[in-house]
Amino acid sequence: MTPDVASLALPATPALPPVTASRDRIRATAEEFESVFLSTMLAQMFAGLPTDGPFGGGHAEETYRGMLIEQYGKEIAANGGIGIADEVARELLRLQEAQNDAG
């Protein structure tokens, strides 16, 4: 029962990543893109809101408003968004399939 030395010396060939993992990564990337887009839109909308009032204005509001807007964008995108992530994911998958077919 001696082990086959040749098979131990050969490096293992890397397995191709599963297609579902690739699709999941593409979906996550598309959703992140939509999140950034929505955050940018929301920042423009919030820029027009008045910040006066007993608890309004100041440096802290400027800081936390940006974080709040970023979270709003992430939540909207994670809960269906406005359809940008679907289109971006579809296009990225199409490009990936075309590249795989050509390669």
PDB file of N, CA and C in Angstrom:
ATOM      1  N   MET A   1       0.810  -1.189   0.000  1.00  0.00           N
ATOM      2  CA  MET A   1       0.000   0.000   0.000  1.00  0.00           C
ATOM      3  C   MET A   1       0.855   1.254   0.000  1.00  0.00           C
ATOM      4  N   THR A   2       1.664   1.413  -0.986  1.00  0.00           N
ATOM      5  CA  THR A   2       2.448   2.634  -1.087  1.00  0.00           C
ATOM      6  C   THR A   2       1.649   3.663  -1.869  1.00  0.00           C
ATOM      7  N   PRO A   3       1.673   4.884  -1.427  1.00  0.00           N
ATOM      8  CA  PRO A   3       0.922   5.907  -2.156  1.00  0.00           C
ATOM      9  C   PRO A   3       1.592   6.215  -3.483  1.00  0.00           C
ATOM     10  N   ASP A   4       0.805   6.590  -4.426  1.00  0.00           N
ATOM     11  CA  ASP A   4       1.317   6.962  -5.734  1.00  0.00           C
ATOM     12  C   ASP A   4       2.016   8.312  -5.600  1.00  0.00           C
ATOM     13  N   VAL A   5       3.348   8.296  -5.656  1.00  0.00           N
ATOM     14  CA  VAL A   5       4.139   9.501  -5.424  1.00  0.00           C
ATOM     15  C   VAL A   5       3.885  10.539  -6.513  1.00  0.00           C
ATOM     16  N   ALA A   6       3.694  10.106  -7.726  1.00  0.00           N
ATOM     17  CA  ALA A   6       3.481  11.051  -8.819  1.00  0.00           C
ATOM     18  C   ALA A   6       2.209  11.868  -8.605  1.00  0.00           C
ATOM     19  N   SER A   7       1.161  11.216  -8.124  1.00  0.00           N
ATOM     20  CA  SER A   7      -0.083  11.959  -7.919  1.00  0.00           C
ATOM     21  C   SER A   7       0.033  12.934  -6.754  1.00  0.00           C
ATOM     22  N   LEU A   8       0.896  12.629  -5.790  1.00  0.00           N
ATOM     23  CA  LEU A   8       1.097  13.547  -4.669  1.00  0.00           C
ATOM     24  C   LEU A   8       1.923  14.757  -5.073  1.00  0.00           C
ATOM     25  N   ALA A   9       2.795  14.594  -6.048  1.00  0.00           N
ATOM     26  CA  ALA A   9       3.682  15.673  -6.464  1.00  0.00           C
ATOM     27  C   ALA A   9       2.989  16.670  -7.387  1.00  0.00           C
ATOM     28  N   LEU A  10       1.962  16.249  -8.071  1.00  0.00           N
ATOM     29  CA  LEU A  10       1.279  17.144  -8.998  1.00  0.00           C
ATOM     30  C   LEU A  10       0.384  18.114  -8.240  1.00  0.00           C
ATOM     31  N   PRO A  11       0.454  19.385  -8.613  1.00  0.00           N
ATOM     32  CA  PRO A  11      -0.438  20.335  -7.941  1.00  0.00           C
ATOM     33  C   PRO A  11      -1.879  20.091  -8.378  1.00  0.00           C
ATOM     34  N   ALA A  12      -2.762  20.304  -7.471  1.00  0.00           N
ATOM     35  CA  ALA A  12      -4.180  20.134  -7.783  1.00  0.00           C
ATOM     36  C   ALA A  12      -4.621  21.257  -8.712  1.00  0.00           C
ATOM     37  N   THR A  13      -5.404  20.912  -9.699  1.00  0.00           N
ATOM     38  CA  THR A  13      -5.919  21.946 -10.594  1.00  0.00           C
ATOM     39  C   THR A  13      -7.037  22.690  -9.877  1.00  0.00           C
ATOM     40  N   PRO A  14      -7.007  24.002  -9.958  1.00  0.00           N
ATOM     41  CA  PRO A  14      -8.051  24.758  -9.260  1.00  0.00           C
ATOM     42  C   PRO A  14      -9.409  24.504  -9.898  1.00  0.00           C
ATOM     43  N   ALA A  15     -10.376  24.316  -9.065  1.00  0.00           N
ATOM     44  CA  ALA A  15     -11.734  24.090  -9.559  1.00  0.00           C
ATOM     45  C   ALA A  15     -12.336  25.412 -10.012  1.00  0.00           C
ATOM     46  N   LEU A  16     -13.129  25.339 -11.038  1.00  0.00           N
ATOM     47  CA  LEU A  16     -13.825  26.536 -11.496  1.00  0.00           C
ATOM     48  C   LEU A  16     -14.869  26.928 -10.460  1.00  0.00           C
ATOM     49  N   PRO A  17     -15.033  28.229 -10.239  1.00  0.00           N
ATOM     50  CA  PRO A  17     -16.033  28.637  -9.259  1.00  0.00           C
ATOM     51  C   PRO A  17     -17.422  28.251  -9.734  1.00  0.00           C
ATOM     52  N   PRO A  18     -18.279  27.846  -8.828  1.00  0.00           N
ATOM     53  CA  PRO A  18     -19.627  27.481  -9.236  1.00  0.00           C
ATOM     54  C   PRO A  18     -20.360  28.674  -9.837  1.00  0.00           C
ATOM     55  N   VAL A  19     -21.208  28.372 -10.789  1.00  0.00           N
ATOM     56  CA  VAL A  19     -21.951  29.428 -11.479  1.00  0.00           C
ATOM     57  C   VAL A  19     -22.825  30.200 -10.500  1.00  0.00           C
ATOM     58  N   THR A  20     -23.401  29.525  -9.525  1.00  0.00           N
ATOM     59  CA  THR A  20     -24.276  30.220  -8.578  1.00  0.00           C
ATOM     60  C   THR A  20     -23.498  31.227  -7.751  1.00  0.00           C
ATOM     61  N   ALA A  21     -22.242  30.904  -7.395  1.00  0.00           N
ATOM     62  CA  ALA A  21     -21.430  31.856  -6.642  1.00  0.00           C
ATOM     63  C   ALA A  21     -21.165  33.090  -7.488  1.00  0.00           C
ATOM     64  N   SER A  22     -20.901  32.871  -8.769  1.00  0.00           N
ATOM     65  CA  SER A  22     -20.670  33.987  -9.675  1.00  0.00           C
ATOM     66  C   SER A  22     -21.930  34.843  -9.804  1.00  0.00           C
ATOM     67  N   ARG A  23     -23.065  34.198  -9.932  1.00  0.00           N
ATOM     68  CA  ARG A  23     -24.330  34.935 -10.038  1.00  0.00           C
ATOM     69  C   ARG A  23     -24.623  35.712  -8.758  1.00  0.00           C
ATOM     70  N   ASP A  24     -24.313  35.111  -7.619  1.00  0.00           N
ATOM     71  CA  ASP A  24     -24.529  35.798  -6.343  1.00  0.00           C
ATOM     72  C   ASP A  24     -23.637  37.025  -6.229  1.00  0.00           C
ATOM     73  N   ARG A  25     -22.381  36.885  -6.659  1.00  0.00           N
ATOM     74  CA  ARG A  25     -21.460  38.026  -6.623  1.00  0.00           C
ATOM     75  C   ARG A  25     -21.922  39.129  -7.559  1.00  0.00           C
ATOM     76  N   ILE A  26     -22.379  38.753  -8.742  1.00  0.00           N
ATOM     77  CA  ILE A  26     -22.874  39.740  -9.700  1.00  0.00           C
ATOM     78  C   ILE A  26     -24.089  40.454  -9.135  1.00  0.00           C
ATOM     79  N   ARG A  27     -24.989  39.708  -8.533  1.00  0.00           N
ATOM     80  CA  ARG A  27     -26.193  40.317  -7.943  1.00  0.00           C
ATOM     81  C   ARG A  27     -25.819  41.288  -6.823  1.00  0.00           C
ATOM     82  N   ALA A  28     -24.870  40.887  -5.975  1.00  0.00           N
ATOM     83  CA  ALA A  28     -24.439  41.757  -4.877  1.00  0.00           C
ATOM     84  C   ALA A  28     -23.784  43.030  -5.410  1.00  0.00           C
ATOM     85  N   THR A  29     -22.993  42.898  -6.463  1.00  0.00           N
ATOM     86  CA  THR A  29     -22.350  44.063  -7.064  1.00  0.00           C
ATOM     87  C   THR A  29     -23.385  44.995  -7.673  1.00  0.00           C
ATOM     88  N   ALA A  30     -24.356  44.439  -8.371  1.00  0.00           N
ATOM     89  CA  ALA A  30     -25.408  45.256  -8.981  1.00  0.00           C
ATOM     90  C   ALA A  30     -26.237  45.962  -7.916  1.00  0.00           C
ATOM     91  N   GLU A  31     -26.503  45.269  -6.829  1.00  0.00           N
ATOM     92  CA  GLU A  31     -27.277  45.874  -5.736  1.00  0.00           C
ATOM     93  C   GLU A  31     -26.484  46.999  -5.070  1.00  0.00           C
ATOM     94  N   GLU A  32     -25.192  46.814  -4.929  1.00  0.00           N
ATOM     95  CA  GLU A  32     -24.338  47.862  -4.357  1.00  0.00           C
ATOM     96  C   GLU A  32     -24.314  49.081  -5.277  1.00  0.00           C
ATOM     97  N   PHE A  33     -24.260  48.851  -6.585  1.00  0.00           N
ATOM     98  CA  PHE A  33     -24.301  49.952  -7.546  1.00  0.00           C
ATOM     99  C   PHE A  33     -25.601  50.735  -7.400  1.00  0.00           C
ATOM    100  N   GLU A  34     -26.724  50.026  -7.309  1.00  0.00           N
ATOM    101  CA  GLU A  34     -28.011  50.697  -7.147  1.00  0.00           C
ATOM    102  C   GLU A  34     -28.053  51.465  -5.828  1.00  0.00           C
ATOM    103  N   SER A  35     -27.478  50.903  -4.795  1.00  0.00           N
ATOM    104  CA  SER A  35     -27.434  51.561  -3.492  1.00  0.00           C
ATOM    105  C   SER A  35     -26.691  52.893  -3.573  1.00  0.00           C
ATOM    106  N   VAL A  36     -25.552  52.905  -4.245  1.00  0.00           N
ATOM    107  CA  VAL A  36     -24.774  54.137  -4.398  1.00  0.00           C
ATOM    108  C   VAL A  36     -25.557  55.150  -5.223  1.00  0.00           C
ATOM    109  N   PHE A  37     -26.186  54.700  -6.290  1.00  0.00           N
ATOM    110  CA  PHE A  37     -26.993  55.589  -7.129  1.00  0.00           C
ATOM    111  C   PHE A  37     -28.130  56.212  -6.321  1.00  0.00           C
ATOM    112  N   LEU A  38     -28.842  55.382  -5.564  1.00  0.00           N
ATOM    113  CA  LEU A  38     -29.955  55.885  -4.760  1.00  0.00           C
ATOM    114  C   LEU A  38     -29.477  56.843  -3.677  1.00  0.00           C
ATOM    115  N   SER A  39     -28.353  56.548  -3.059  1.00  0.00           N
ATOM    116  CA  SER A  39     -27.803  57.443  -2.041  1.00  0.00           C
ATOM    117  C   SER A  39     -27.472  58.808  -2.636  1.00  0.00           C
ATOM    118  N   THR A  40     -26.942  58.816  -3.843  1.00  0.00           N
ATOM    119  CA  THR A  40     -26.633  60.076  -4.513  1.00  0.00           C
ATOM    120  C   THR A  40     -27.908  60.859  -4.796  1.00  0.00           C
ATOM    121  N   MET A  41     -28.932  60.171  -5.275  1.00  0.00           N
ATOM    122  CA  MET A  41     -30.219  60.842  -5.527  1.00  0.00           C
ATOM    123  C   MET A  41     -30.814  61.388  -4.237  1.00  0.00           C
ATOM    124  N   LEU A  42     -30.804  60.579  -3.186  1.00  0.00           N
ATOM    125  CA  LEU A  42     -31.370  61.006  -1.910  1.00  0.00           C
ATOM    126  C   LEU A  42     -30.592  62.177  -1.318  1.00  0.00           C
ATOM    127  N   ALA A  43     -29.280  62.200  -1.499  1.00  0.00           N
ATOM    128  CA  ALA A  43     -28.477  63.314  -0.987  1.00  0.00           C
ATOM    129  C   ALA A  43     -28.917  64.622  -1.628  1.00  0.00           C
ATOM    130  N   GLN A  44     -29.217  64.583  -2.927  1.00  0.00           N
ATOM    131  CA  GLN A  44     -29.700  65.787  -3.603  1.00  0.00           C
ATOM    132  C   GLN A  44     -31.069  66.202  -3.085  1.00  0.00           C
ATOM    133  N   MET A  45     -31.907  65.223  -2.797  1.00  0.00           N
ATOM    134  CA  MET A  45     -33.236  65.531  -2.261  1.00  0.00           C
ATOM    135  C   MET A  45     -33.128  66.130  -0.858  1.00  0.00           C
ATOM    136  N   PHE A  46     -32.277  65.568  -0.026  1.00  0.00           N
ATOM    137  CA  PHE A  46     -32.123  66.051   1.343  1.00  0.00           C
ATOM    138  C   PHE A  46     -31.448  67.420   1.390  1.00  0.00           C
ATOM    139  N   ALA A  47     -30.673  67.757   0.364  1.00  0.00           N
ATOM    140  CA  ALA A  47     -29.982  69.048   0.349  1.00  0.00           C
ATOM    141  C   ALA A  47     -30.975  70.207   0.375  1.00  0.00           C
ATOM    142  N   GLY A  48     -32.170  69.994  -0.143  1.00  0.00           N
ATOM    143  CA  GLY A  48     -33.175  71.050  -0.173  1.00  0.00           C
ATOM    144  C   GLY A  48     -34.006  71.160   1.091  1.00  0.00           C
ATOM    145  N   LEU A  49     -33.833  70.258   2.039  1.00  0.00           N
ATOM    146  CA  LEU A  49     -34.621  70.303   3.267  1.00  0.00           C
ATOM    147  C   LEU A  49     -34.037  71.313   4.246  1.00  0.00           C
ATOM    148  N   PRO A  50     -34.902  72.069   4.912  1.00  0.00           N
ATOM    149  CA  PRO A  50     -34.388  73.012   5.912  1.00  0.00           C
ATOM    150  C   PRO A  50     -33.831  72.265   7.128  1.00  0.00           C
ATOM    151  N   THR A  51     -32.797  72.823   7.726  1.00  0.00           N
ATOM    152  CA  THR A  51     -32.184  72.181   8.890  1.00  0.00           C
ATOM    153  C   THR A  51     -32.344  73.019  10.151  1.00  0.00           C
ATOM    154  N   ASP A  52     -33.230  74.003  10.103  1.00  0.00           N
ATOM    155  CA  ASP A  52     -33.441  74.805  11.302  1.00  0.00           C
ATOM    156  C   ASP A  52     -34.374  74.077  12.257  1.00  0.00           C
ATOM    157  N   GLY A  53     -34.530  74.585  13.400  1.00  0.00           N
ATOM    158  CA  GLY A  53     -35.360  73.948  14.412  1.00  0.00           C
ATOM    159  C   GLY A  53     -34.552  73.719  15.665  1.00  0.00           C
ATOM    160  N   PRO A  54     -35.187  73.290  16.715  1.00  0.00           N
ATOM    161  CA  PRO A  54     -34.472  73.142  17.983  1.00  0.00           C
ATOM    162  C   PRO A  54     -33.336  72.120  17.930  1.00  0.00           C
ATOM    163  N   PHE A  55     -33.455  71.084  17.123  1.00  0.00           N
ATOM    164  CA  PHE A  55     -32.410  70.063  17.060  1.00  0.00           C
ATOM    165  C   PHE A  55     -31.748  70.009  15.691  1.00  0.00           C
ATOM    166  N   GLY A  56     -31.938  71.010  14.867  1.00  0.00           N
ATOM    167  CA  GLY A  56     -31.428  70.988  13.502  1.00  0.00           C
ATOM    168  C   GLY A  56     -30.112  71.721  13.347  1.00  0.00           C
ATOM    169  N   GLY A  57     -29.461  71.449  12.241  1.00  0.00           N
ATOM    170  CA  GLY A  57     -28.240  72.148  11.872  1.00  0.00           C
ATOM    171  C   GLY A  57     -27.009  71.649  12.594  1.00  0.00           C
ATOM    172  N   GLY A  58     -25.914  72.266  12.257  1.00  0.00           N
ATOM    173  CA  GLY A  58     -24.661  71.960  12.926  1.00  0.00           C
ATOM    174  C   GLY A  58     -23.830  70.899  12.229  1.00  0.00           C
ATOM    175  N   HIS A  59     -22.620  70.759  12.742  1.00  0.00           N
ATOM    176  CA  HIS A  59     -21.667  69.812  12.153  1.00  0.00           C
ATOM    177  C   HIS A  59     -22.121  68.360  12.326  1.00  0.00           C
ATOM    178  N   ALA A  60     -22.705  68.051  13.462  1.00  0.00           N
ATOM    179  CA  ALA A  60     -23.144  66.672  13.711  1.00  0.00           C
ATOM    180  C   ALA A  60     -24.218  66.252  12.720  1.00  0.00           C
ATOM    181  N   GLU A  61     -25.135  67.162  12.415  1.00  0.00           N
ATOM    182  CA  GLU A  61     -26.184  66.806  11.455  1.00  0.00           C
ATOM    183  C   GLU A  61     -25.592  66.547  10.083  1.00  0.00           C
ATOM    184  N   GLU A  62     -24.630  67.358   9.674  1.00  0.00           N
ATOM    185  CA  GLU A  62     -23.979  67.141   8.380  1.00  0.00           C
ATOM    186  C   GLU A  62     -23.340  65.753   8.334  1.00  0.00           C
ATOM    187  N   THR A  63     -22.699  65.375   9.418  1.00  0.00           N
ATOM    188  CA  THR A  63     -22.030  64.072   9.479  1.00  0.00           C
ATOM    189  C   THR A  63     -23.035  62.929   9.443  1.00  0.00           C
ATOM    190  N   TYR A  64     -24.012  62.978  10.311  1.00  0.00           N
ATOM    191  CA  TYR A  64     -24.950  61.866  10.435  1.00  0.00           C
ATOM    192  C   TYR A  64     -25.962  61.816   9.305  1.00  0.00           C
ATOM    193  N   ARG A  65     -26.253  62.941   8.696  1.00  0.00           N
ATOM    194  CA  ARG A  65     -27.181  62.930   7.567  1.00  0.00           C
ATOM    195  C   ARG A  65     -26.606  62.097   6.430  1.00  0.00           C
ATOM    196  N   GLY A  66     -25.319  62.230   6.168  1.00  0.00           N
ATOM    197  CA  GLY A  66     -24.675  61.430   5.125  1.00  0.00           C
ATOM    198  C   GLY A  66     -24.764  59.940   5.407  1.00  0.00           C
ATOM    199  N   MET A  67     -24.545  59.561   6.666  1.00  0.00           N
ATOM    200  CA  MET A  67     -24.650  58.142   7.040  1.00  0.00           C
ATOM    201  C   MET A  67     -26.084  57.646   6.910  1.00  0.00           C
ATOM    202  N   LEU A  68     -27.028  58.479   7.320  1.00  0.00           N
ATOM    203  CA  LEU A  68     -28.443  58.110   7.225  1.00  0.00           C
ATOM    204  C   LEU A  68     -28.850  57.919   5.769  1.00  0.00           C
ATOM    205  N   ILE A  69     -28.432  58.823   4.919  1.00  0.00           N
ATOM    206  CA  ILE A  69     -28.769  58.733   3.496  1.00  0.00           C
ATOM    207  C   ILE A  69     -28.156  57.475   2.882  1.00  0.00           C
ATOM    208  N   GLU A  70     -26.927  57.160   3.261  1.00  0.00           N
ATOM    209  CA  GLU A  70     -26.281  55.942   2.752  1.00  0.00           C
ATOM    210  C   GLU A  70     -27.069  54.701   3.162  1.00  0.00           C
ATOM    211  N   GLN A  71     -27.528  54.656   4.401  1.00  0.00           N
ATOM    212  CA  GLN A  71     -28.318  53.516   4.874  1.00  0.00           C
ATOM    213  C   GLN A  71     -29.672  53.450   4.171  1.00  0.00           C
ATOM    214  N   TYR A  72     -30.285  54.614   3.939  1.00  0.00           N
ATOM    215  CA  TYR A  72     -31.540  54.630   3.177  1.00  0.00           C
ATOM    216  C   TYR A  72     -31.326  54.001   1.803  1.00  0.00           C
ATOM    217  N   GLY A  73     -30.250  54.387   1.125  1.00  0.00           N
ATOM    218  CA  GLY A  73     -29.952  53.828  -0.191  1.00  0.00           C
ATOM    219  C   GLY A  73     -29.764  52.325  -0.148  1.00  0.00           C
ATOM    220  N   LYS A  74     -29.046  51.829   0.858  1.00  0.00           N
ATOM    221  CA  LYS A  74     -28.821  50.381   0.989  1.00  0.00           C
ATOM    222  C   LYS A  74     -30.126  49.641   1.252  1.00  0.00           C
ATOM    223  N   GLU A  75     -30.960  50.194   2.123  1.00  0.00           N
ATOM    224  CA  GLU A  75     -32.228  49.537   2.454  1.00  0.00           C
ATOM    225  C   GLU A  75     -33.180  49.516   1.258  1.00  0.00           C
ATOM    226  N   ILE A  76     -33.250  50.619   0.537  1.00  0.00           N
ATOM    227  CA  ILE A  76     -34.129  50.662  -0.636  1.00  0.00           C
ATOM    228  C   ILE A  76     -33.659  49.639  -1.664  1.00  0.00           C
ATOM    229  N   ALA A  77     -32.349  49.599  -1.926  1.00  0.00           N
ATOM    230  CA  ALA A  77     -31.805  48.649  -2.905  1.00  0.00           C
ATOM    231  C   ALA A  77     -32.021  47.208  -2.450  1.00  0.00           C
ATOM    232  N   ALA A  78     -31.851  46.937  -1.158  1.00  0.00           N
ATOM    233  CA  ALA A  78     -32.005  45.571  -0.639  1.00  0.00           C
ATOM    234  C   ALA A  78     -33.453  45.097  -0.681  1.00  0.00           C
ATOM    235  N   ASN A  79     -34.383  46.024  -0.693  1.00  0.00           N
ATOM    236  CA  ASN A  79     -35.806  45.666  -0.686  1.00  0.00           C
ATOM    237  C   ASN A  79     -36.465  45.877  -2.041  1.00  0.00           C
ATOM    238  N   GLY A  80     -35.719  45.648  -3.109  1.00  0.00           N
ATOM    239  CA  GLY A  80     -36.297  45.711  -4.441  1.00  0.00           C
ATOM    240  C   GLY A  80     -35.836  46.893  -5.256  1.00  0.00           C
ATOM    241  N   GLY A  81     -35.503  47.992  -4.599  1.00  0.00           N
ATOM    242  CA  GLY A  81     -34.985  49.158  -5.301  1.00  0.00           C
ATOM    243  C   GLY A  81     -35.922  49.693  -6.357  1.00  0.00           C
ATOM    244  N   ILE A  82     -35.318  50.265  -7.378  1.00  0.00           N
ATOM    245  CA  ILE A  82     -36.097  50.842  -8.478  1.00  0.00           C
ATOM    246  C   ILE A  82     -35.819  50.132  -9.800  1.00  0.00           C
ATOM    247  N   GLY A  83     -35.148  48.983  -9.733  1.00  0.00           N
ATOM    248  CA  GLY A  83     -34.936  48.175 -10.930  1.00  0.00           C
ATOM    249  C   GLY A  83     -33.563  48.294 -11.561  1.00  0.00           C
ATOM    250  N   ILE A  84     -32.731  49.172 -11.039  1.00  0.00           N
ATOM    251  CA  ILE A  84     -31.399  49.339 -11.622  1.00  0.00           C
ATOM    252  C   ILE A  84     -30.561  48.080 -11.418  1.00  0.00           C
ATOM    253  N   ALA A  85     -30.603  47.504 -10.226  1.00  0.00           N
ATOM    254  CA  ALA A  85     -29.795  46.310  -9.936  1.00  0.00           C
ATOM    255  C   ALA A  85     -30.172  45.154 -10.855  1.00  0.00           C
ATOM    256  N   ASP A  86     -31.453  45.006 -11.150  1.00  0.00           N
ATOM    257  CA  ASP A  86     -31.893  43.928 -12.042  1.00  0.00           C
ATOM    258  C   ASP A  86     -31.282  44.087 -13.429  1.00  0.00           C
ATOM    259  N   GLU A  87     -31.319  45.314 -13.946  1.00  0.00           N
ATOM    260  CA  GLU A  87     -30.778  45.561 -15.289  1.00  0.00           C
ATOM    261  C   GLU A  87     -29.258  45.419 -15.319  1.00  0.00           C
ATOM    262  N   VAL A  88     -28.587  45.939 -14.288  1.00  0.00           N
ATOM    263  CA  VAL A  88     -27.127  45.838 -14.234  1.00  0.00           C
ATOM    264  C   VAL A  88     -26.706  44.373 -14.126  1.00  0.00           C
ATOM    265  N   ALA A  89     -27.367  43.605 -13.266  1.00  0.00           N
ATOM    266  CA  ALA A  89     -27.037  42.180 -13.114  1.00  0.00           C
ATOM    267  C   ALA A  89     -27.272  41.431 -14.421  1.00  0.00           C
ATOM    268  N   ARG A  90     -28.369  41.714 -15.083  1.00  0.00           N
ATOM    269  CA  ARG A  90     -28.675  41.053 -16.359  1.00  0.00           C
ATOM    270  C   ARG A  90     -27.585  41.359 -17.392  1.00  0.00           C
ATOM    271  N   GLU A  91     -27.151  42.610 -17.454  1.00  0.00           N
ATOM    272  CA  GLU A  91     -26.127  42.993 -18.420  1.00  0.00           C
ATOM    273  C   GLU A  91     -24.776  42.370 -18.067  1.00  0.00           C
ATOM    274  N   LEU A  92     -24.422  42.349 -16.790  1.00  0.00           N
ATOM    275  CA  LEU A  92     -23.157  41.729 -16.380  1.00  0.00           C
ATOM    276  C   LEU A  92     -23.148  40.235 -16.680  1.00  0.00           C
ATOM    277  N   LEU A  93     -24.260  39.556 -16.450  1.00  0.00           N
ATOM    278  CA  LEU A  93     -24.350  38.128 -16.774  1.00  0.00           C
ATOM    279  C   LEU A  93     -24.235  37.903 -18.276  1.00  0.00           C
ATOM    280  N   ARG A  94     -24.866  38.764 -19.051  1.00  0.00           N
ATOM    281  CA  ARG A  94     -24.785  38.646 -20.509  1.00  0.00           C
ATOM    282  C   ARG A  94     -23.339  38.813 -20.970  1.00  0.00           C
ATOM    283  N   LEU A  95     -22.643  39.811 -20.423  1.00  0.00           N
ATOM    284  CA  LEU A  95     -21.249  40.036 -20.796  1.00  0.00           C
ATOM    285  C   LEU A  95     -20.358  38.876 -20.365  1.00  0.00           C
ATOM    286  N   GLN A  96     -20.618  38.322 -19.186  1.00  0.00           N
ATOM    287  CA  GLN A  96     -19.834  37.189 -18.699  1.00  0.00           C
ATOM    288  C   GLN A  96     -20.047  35.967 -19.587  1.00  0.00           C
ATOM    289  N   GLU A  97     -21.284  35.708 -19.964  1.00  0.00           N
ATOM    290  CA  GLU A  97     -21.569  34.565 -20.832  1.00  0.00           C
ATOM    291  C   GLU A  97     -20.932  34.746 -22.199  1.00  0.00           C
ATOM    292  N   ALA A  98     -20.956  35.971 -22.723  1.00  0.00           N
ATOM    293  CA  ALA A  98     -20.332  36.234 -24.016  1.00  0.00           C
ATOM    294  C   ALA A  98     -18.823  36.021 -23.935  1.00  0.00           C
ATOM    295  N   GLN A  99     -18.226  36.435 -22.829  1.00  0.00           N
ATOM    296  CA  GLN A  99     -16.790  36.247 -22.643  1.00  0.00           C
ATOM    297  C   GLN A  99     -16.449  34.762 -22.512  1.00  0.00           C
ATOM    298  N   ASN A 100     -17.272  34.010 -21.794  1.00  0.00           N
ATOM    299  CA  ASN A 100     -17.038  32.569 -21.646  1.00  0.00           C
ATOM    300  C   ASN A 100     -17.192  31.847 -22.976  1.00  0.00           C
ATOM    301  N   ASP A 101     -18.160  32.272 -23.785  1.00  0.00           N
ATOM    302  CA  ASP A 101     -18.358  31.655 -25.093  1.00  0.00           C
ATOM    303  C   ASP A 101     -17.190  31.955 -26.027  1.00  0.00           C
ATOM    304  N   ALA A 102     -16.634  33.161 -25.930  1.00  0.00           N
ATOM    305  CA  ALA A 102     -15.522  33.558 -26.792  1.00  0.00           C
ATOM    306  C   ALA A 102     -14.208  32.915 -26.350  1.00  0.00           C
ATOM    307  N   GLY A 103     -14.080  32.660 -25.042  1.00  0.00           N
ATOM    308  CA  GLY A 103     -12.809  32.146 -24.496  1.00  0.00           C
ATOM    309  C   GLY A 103     -12.771  30.690 -24.536  1.00  0.00           C
TER     310      GLY A 103
END
